Amino acid sequence: MGGIALFTLSSRACGLAPNAVSLDIARCVQGMGAAFVLANAMPLIAQVYDGQARNMAIAVWGTHSGPAVPSPRSSAVSSWTSPSGATSS
């Protein structure tokens, strides 16, 4: 619960940050809160599910946590479109 509270409070601090330095500090704290939450995810899945359901839950967790790492493909897509959605020529 501490990780969720830390993440939530630091998210609020990010939204209320008056300048870039405070935003960077709040994002750093937010990352620590996210690390606490992420570290507890796999043991929780292992405790709650049994057998084939556990295998499926681990597969779903891995599928959803994988895209957090940017790939060359996502970089190519983001450089191909502009924020307004128009393609660049």
N, C-alpha and C. Protein backbone atom coordinates (compact mmCIF):
# COMPACT_ATOMS: atom_id res chain seq x y z
N MET A 1 0.82 -1.20 0.00
CA MET A 1 0.00 0.00 0.00
C MET A 1 0.86 1.26 0.00
N GLY A 2 2.04 1.18 0.58
CA GLY A 2 2.91 2.34 0.62
C GLY A 2 3.35 2.78 -0.77
N GLY A 3 3.61 1.80 -1.66
CA GLY A 3 4.02 2.13 -3.02
C GLY A 3 2.91 2.82 -3.79
N ILE A 4 1.67 2.33 -3.59
CA ILE A 4 0.54 2.97 -4.27
C ILE A 4 0.33 4.38 -3.75
N ALA A 5 0.45 4.56 -2.43
CA ALA A 5 0.29 5.90 -1.85
C ALA A 5 1.39 6.84 -2.34
N LEU A 6 2.63 6.35 -2.37
CA LEU A 6 3.74 7.17 -2.85
C LEU A 6 3.54 7.55 -4.31
N PHE A 7 3.12 6.59 -5.13
CA PHE A 7 2.88 6.87 -6.54
C PHE A 7 1.74 7.88 -6.72
N THR A 8 0.67 7.71 -5.97
CA THR A 8 -0.49 8.60 -6.09
C THR A 8 -0.14 10.02 -5.67
N LEU A 9 0.52 10.16 -4.53
CA LEU A 9 0.87 11.50 -4.04
C LEU A 9 1.88 12.19 -4.96
N SER A 10 2.82 11.42 -5.48
CA SER A 10 3.80 12.03 -6.38
C SER A 10 3.16 12.36 -7.74
N SER A 11 2.15 11.62 -8.14
CA SER A 11 1.41 11.97 -9.36
C SER A 11 0.72 13.31 -9.19
N ARG A 12 0.16 13.52 -8.02
CA ARG A 12 -0.47 14.82 -7.73
C ARG A 12 0.59 15.92 -7.75
N ALA A 13 1.74 15.64 -7.17
CA ALA A 13 2.83 16.63 -7.18
C ALA A 13 3.27 16.94 -8.59
N CYS A 14 3.26 15.94 -9.48
CA CYS A 14 3.60 16.19 -10.89
C CYS A 14 2.59 17.15 -11.52
N GLY A 15 1.33 16.94 -11.22
CA GLY A 15 0.31 17.80 -11.78
C GLY A 15 0.36 19.22 -11.27
N LEU A 16 0.85 19.39 -10.05
CA LEU A 16 0.91 20.72 -9.44
C LEU A 16 2.29 21.36 -9.53
N ALA A 17 3.22 20.72 -10.20
CA ALA A 17 4.60 21.23 -10.27
C ALA A 17 4.64 22.60 -10.95
N PRO A 18 5.25 23.59 -10.29
CA PRO A 18 5.29 24.93 -10.86
C PRO A 18 6.41 25.14 -11.88
N ASN A 19 7.41 24.24 -11.88
CA ASN A 19 8.53 24.41 -12.81
C ASN A 19 9.11 23.03 -13.16
N ALA A 20 10.07 23.03 -14.06
CA ALA A 20 10.63 21.78 -14.56
C ALA A 20 11.41 21.02 -13.50
N VAL A 21 12.09 21.73 -12.61
CA VAL A 21 12.88 21.05 -11.58
C VAL A 21 11.97 20.29 -10.63
N SER A 22 10.88 20.94 -10.18
CA SER A 22 9.95 20.23 -9.28
C SER A 22 9.28 19.07 -10.00
N LEU A 23 9.00 19.23 -11.28
CA LEU A 23 8.41 18.13 -12.04
C LEU A 23 9.38 16.95 -12.12
N ASP A 24 10.66 17.24 -12.35
CA ASP A 24 11.66 16.17 -12.40
C ASP A 24 11.77 15.44 -11.07
N ILE A 25 11.76 16.18 -9.98
CA ILE A 25 11.86 15.56 -8.66
C ILE A 25 10.61 14.71 -8.38
N ALA A 26 9.44 15.24 -8.71
CA ALA A 26 8.20 14.49 -8.49
C ALA A 26 8.17 13.23 -9.36
N ARG A 27 8.66 13.31 -10.59
CA ARG A 27 8.71 12.13 -11.46
C ARG A 27 9.67 11.08 -10.93
N CYS A 28 10.76 11.52 -10.31
CA CYS A 28 11.71 10.59 -9.70
C CYS A 28 11.04 9.83 -8.56
N VAL A 29 10.34 10.56 -7.70
CA VAL A 29 9.63 9.93 -6.59
C VAL A 29 8.52 9.03 -7.12
N GLN A 30 7.86 9.44 -8.19
CA GLN A 30 6.82 8.64 -8.81
C GLN A 30 7.40 7.31 -9.30
N GLY A 31 8.57 7.36 -9.88
CA GLY A 31 9.24 6.14 -10.34
C GLY A 31 9.56 5.19 -9.20
N MET A 32 9.95 5.75 -8.05
CA MET A 32 10.21 4.90 -6.88
C MET A 32 8.92 4.22 -6.41
N GLY A 33 7.83 4.97 -6.40
CA GLY A 33 6.53 4.37 -6.03
C GLY A 33 6.13 3.27 -6.99
N ALA A 34 6.34 3.50 -8.29
CA ALA A 34 6.01 2.49 -9.29
C ALA A 34 6.88 1.24 -9.11
N ALA A 35 8.14 1.43 -8.73
CA ALA A 35 9.03 0.28 -8.50
C ALA A 35 8.55 -0.56 -7.32
N PHE A 36 8.05 0.09 -6.28
CA PHE A 36 7.50 -0.66 -5.14
C PHE A 36 6.28 -1.47 -5.56
N VAL A 37 5.43 -0.89 -6.38
CA VAL A 37 4.23 -1.59 -6.83
C VAL A 37 4.61 -2.75 -7.75
N LEU A 38 5.52 -2.50 -8.68
CA LEU A 38 5.92 -3.53 -9.64
C LEU A 38 6.62 -4.70 -8.95
N ALA A 39 7.40 -4.43 -7.93
CA ALA A 39 8.11 -5.49 -7.23
C ALA A 39 7.16 -6.45 -6.51
N ASN A 40 5.97 -5.98 -6.17
CA ASN A 40 5.00 -6.82 -5.47
C ASN A 40 4.03 -7.53 -6.40
N ALA A 41 4.05 -7.22 -7.68
CA ALA A 41 3.07 -7.78 -8.61
C ALA A 41 3.24 -9.29 -8.80
N MET A 42 4.44 -9.75 -9.08
CA MET A 42 4.65 -11.16 -9.35
C MET A 42 4.39 -12.05 -8.12
N PRO A 43 4.89 -11.70 -6.93
CA PRO A 43 4.55 -12.54 -5.76
C PRO A 43 3.04 -12.57 -5.48
N LEU A 44 2.36 -11.49 -5.74
CA LEU A 44 0.91 -11.45 -5.54
C LEU A 44 0.21 -12.38 -6.52
N ILE A 45 0.63 -12.36 -7.78
CA ILE A 45 0.06 -13.27 -8.78
C ILE A 45 0.31 -14.72 -8.37
N ALA A 46 1.53 -15.02 -7.92
CA ALA A 46 1.88 -16.39 -7.53
C ALA A 46 1.07 -16.85 -6.32
N GLN A 47 0.71 -15.95 -5.44
CA GLN A 47 -0.06 -16.31 -4.24
C GLN A 47 -1.54 -16.47 -4.55
N VAL A 48 -2.07 -15.68 -5.44
CA VAL A 48 -3.51 -15.67 -5.69
C VAL A 48 -3.94 -16.79 -6.63
N TYR A 49 -3.16 -17.09 -7.66
CA TYR A 49 -3.56 -18.06 -8.68
C TYR A 49 -2.83 -19.38 -8.51
N ASP A 50 -3.48 -20.47 -8.95
CA ASP A 50 -2.88 -21.81 -8.91
C ASP A 50 -2.94 -22.46 -10.29
N GLY A 51 -1.99 -23.35 -10.54
CA GLY A 51 -2.02 -24.17 -11.75
C GLY A 51 -2.02 -23.39 -13.04
N GLN A 52 -2.92 -23.80 -13.95
CA GLN A 52 -3.01 -23.19 -15.28
C GLN A 52 -3.41 -21.73 -15.20
N ALA A 53 -4.24 -21.36 -14.22
CA ALA A 53 -4.65 -19.96 -14.06
C ALA A 53 -3.44 -19.09 -13.72
N ARG A 54 -2.50 -19.65 -12.92
CA ARG A 54 -1.27 -18.91 -12.59
C ARG A 54 -0.45 -18.66 -13.85
N ASN A 55 -0.32 -19.68 -14.69
CA ASN A 55 0.44 -19.52 -15.93
C ASN A 55 -0.19 -18.45 -16.82
N MET A 56 -1.51 -18.44 -16.91
CA MET A 56 -2.19 -17.45 -17.73
C MET A 56 -2.01 -16.04 -17.14
N ALA A 57 -2.11 -15.93 -15.81
CA ALA A 57 -1.94 -14.62 -15.17
C ALA A 57 -0.53 -14.08 -15.37
N ILE A 58 0.47 -14.94 -15.29
CA ILE A 58 1.86 -14.51 -15.51
C ILE A 58 2.05 -14.09 -16.98
N ALA A 59 1.43 -14.83 -17.90
CA ALA A 59 1.53 -14.47 -19.32
C ALA A 59 0.89 -13.11 -19.58
N VAL A 60 -0.28 -12.87 -19.00
CA VAL A 60 -0.96 -11.58 -19.19
C VAL A 60 -0.14 -10.47 -18.57
N TRP A 61 0.40 -10.70 -17.37
CA TRP A 61 1.23 -9.68 -16.71
C TRP A 61 2.45 -9.35 -17.56
N GLY A 62 3.11 -10.38 -18.09
CA GLY A 62 4.29 -10.16 -18.92
C GLY A 62 3.97 -9.45 -20.22
N THR A 63 2.83 -9.76 -20.79
CA THR A 63 2.42 -9.12 -22.04
C THR A 63 2.16 -7.64 -21.82
N HIS A 64 1.57 -7.30 -20.70
CA HIS A 64 1.22 -5.91 -20.44
C HIS A 64 2.40 -5.09 -19.92
N SER A 65 3.36 -5.72 -19.29
CA SER A 65 4.51 -4.96 -18.79
C SER A 65 5.61 -4.85 -19.83
N GLY A 66 5.59 -5.66 -20.87
CA GLY A 66 6.62 -5.63 -21.90
C GLY A 66 6.68 -4.35 -22.70
N PRO A 67 5.54 -3.80 -23.16
CA PRO A 67 5.60 -2.61 -24.00
C PRO A 67 6.11 -1.35 -23.29
N ALA A 68 6.43 -1.43 -22.02
CA ALA A 68 6.96 -0.26 -21.31
C ALA A 68 8.35 0.12 -21.81
N VAL A 69 9.05 -0.82 -22.43
CA VAL A 69 10.38 -0.56 -22.96
C VAL A 69 10.24 -0.14 -24.42
N PRO A 70 10.69 1.06 -24.76
CA PRO A 70 10.53 1.51 -26.15
C PRO A 70 11.36 0.66 -27.12
N SER A 71 10.81 0.44 -28.27
CA SER A 71 11.51 -0.34 -29.30
C SER A 71 11.82 0.57 -30.49
N PRO A 72 12.71 0.14 -31.37
CA PRO A 72 12.99 0.94 -32.56
C PRO A 72 11.74 1.18 -33.40
N ARG A 73 10.82 0.21 -33.39
CA ARG A 73 9.59 0.36 -34.16
C ARG A 73 8.74 1.50 -33.60
N SER A 74 8.63 1.60 -32.27
CA SER A 74 7.83 2.68 -31.70
C SER A 74 8.49 4.04 -31.95
N SER A 75 9.81 4.08 -31.97
CA SER A 75 10.51 5.33 -32.28
C SER A 75 10.25 5.75 -33.71
N ALA A 76 10.23 4.79 -34.62
CA ALA A 76 9.97 5.10 -36.02
C ALA A 76 8.55 5.62 -36.21
N VAL A 77 7.60 5.02 -35.50
CA VAL A 77 6.21 5.46 -35.62
C VAL A 77 6.05 6.86 -35.04
N SER A 78 6.67 7.13 -33.90
CA SER A 78 6.51 8.45 -33.29
C SER A 78 7.19 9.54 -34.11
N SER A 79 8.26 9.21 -34.85
CA SER A 79 8.89 10.23 -35.68
C SER A 79 8.16 10.39 -37.02
N TRP A 80 7.32 9.40 -37.36
CA TRP A 80 6.59 9.46 -38.61
C TRP A 80 5.33 10.32 -38.52
N THR A 81 4.74 10.42 -37.31
CA THR A 81 3.54 11.22 -37.14
C THR A 81 3.82 12.43 -36.27
N SER A 82 3.07 13.46 -36.46
CA SER A 82 3.20 14.65 -35.64
C SER A 82 2.17 14.60 -34.51
N PRO A 83 2.30 15.46 -33.48
CA PRO A 83 1.33 15.43 -32.38
C PRO A 83 -0.10 15.68 -32.83
N SER A 84 -0.30 16.39 -33.93
CA SER A 84 -1.66 16.64 -34.40
C SER A 84 -2.24 15.46 -35.15
N GLY A 85 -1.41 14.43 -35.39
CA GLY A 85 -1.89 13.24 -36.07
C GLY A 85 -1.62 13.25 -37.56
N ALA A 86 -1.16 14.35 -38.09
CA ALA A 86 -0.85 14.42 -39.52
C ALA A 86 0.49 13.75 -39.79
N THR A 87 0.58 13.06 -40.88
CA THR A 87 1.85 12.40 -41.21
C THR A 87 2.82 13.41 -41.77
N SER A 88 4.08 13.21 -41.47
CA SER A 88 5.11 14.11 -41.99
C SER A 88 5.55 13.65 -43.36
N SER A 89 5.93 14.57 -44.20
CA SER A 89 6.32 14.18 -45.55
C SER A 89 7.81 14.25 -45.74
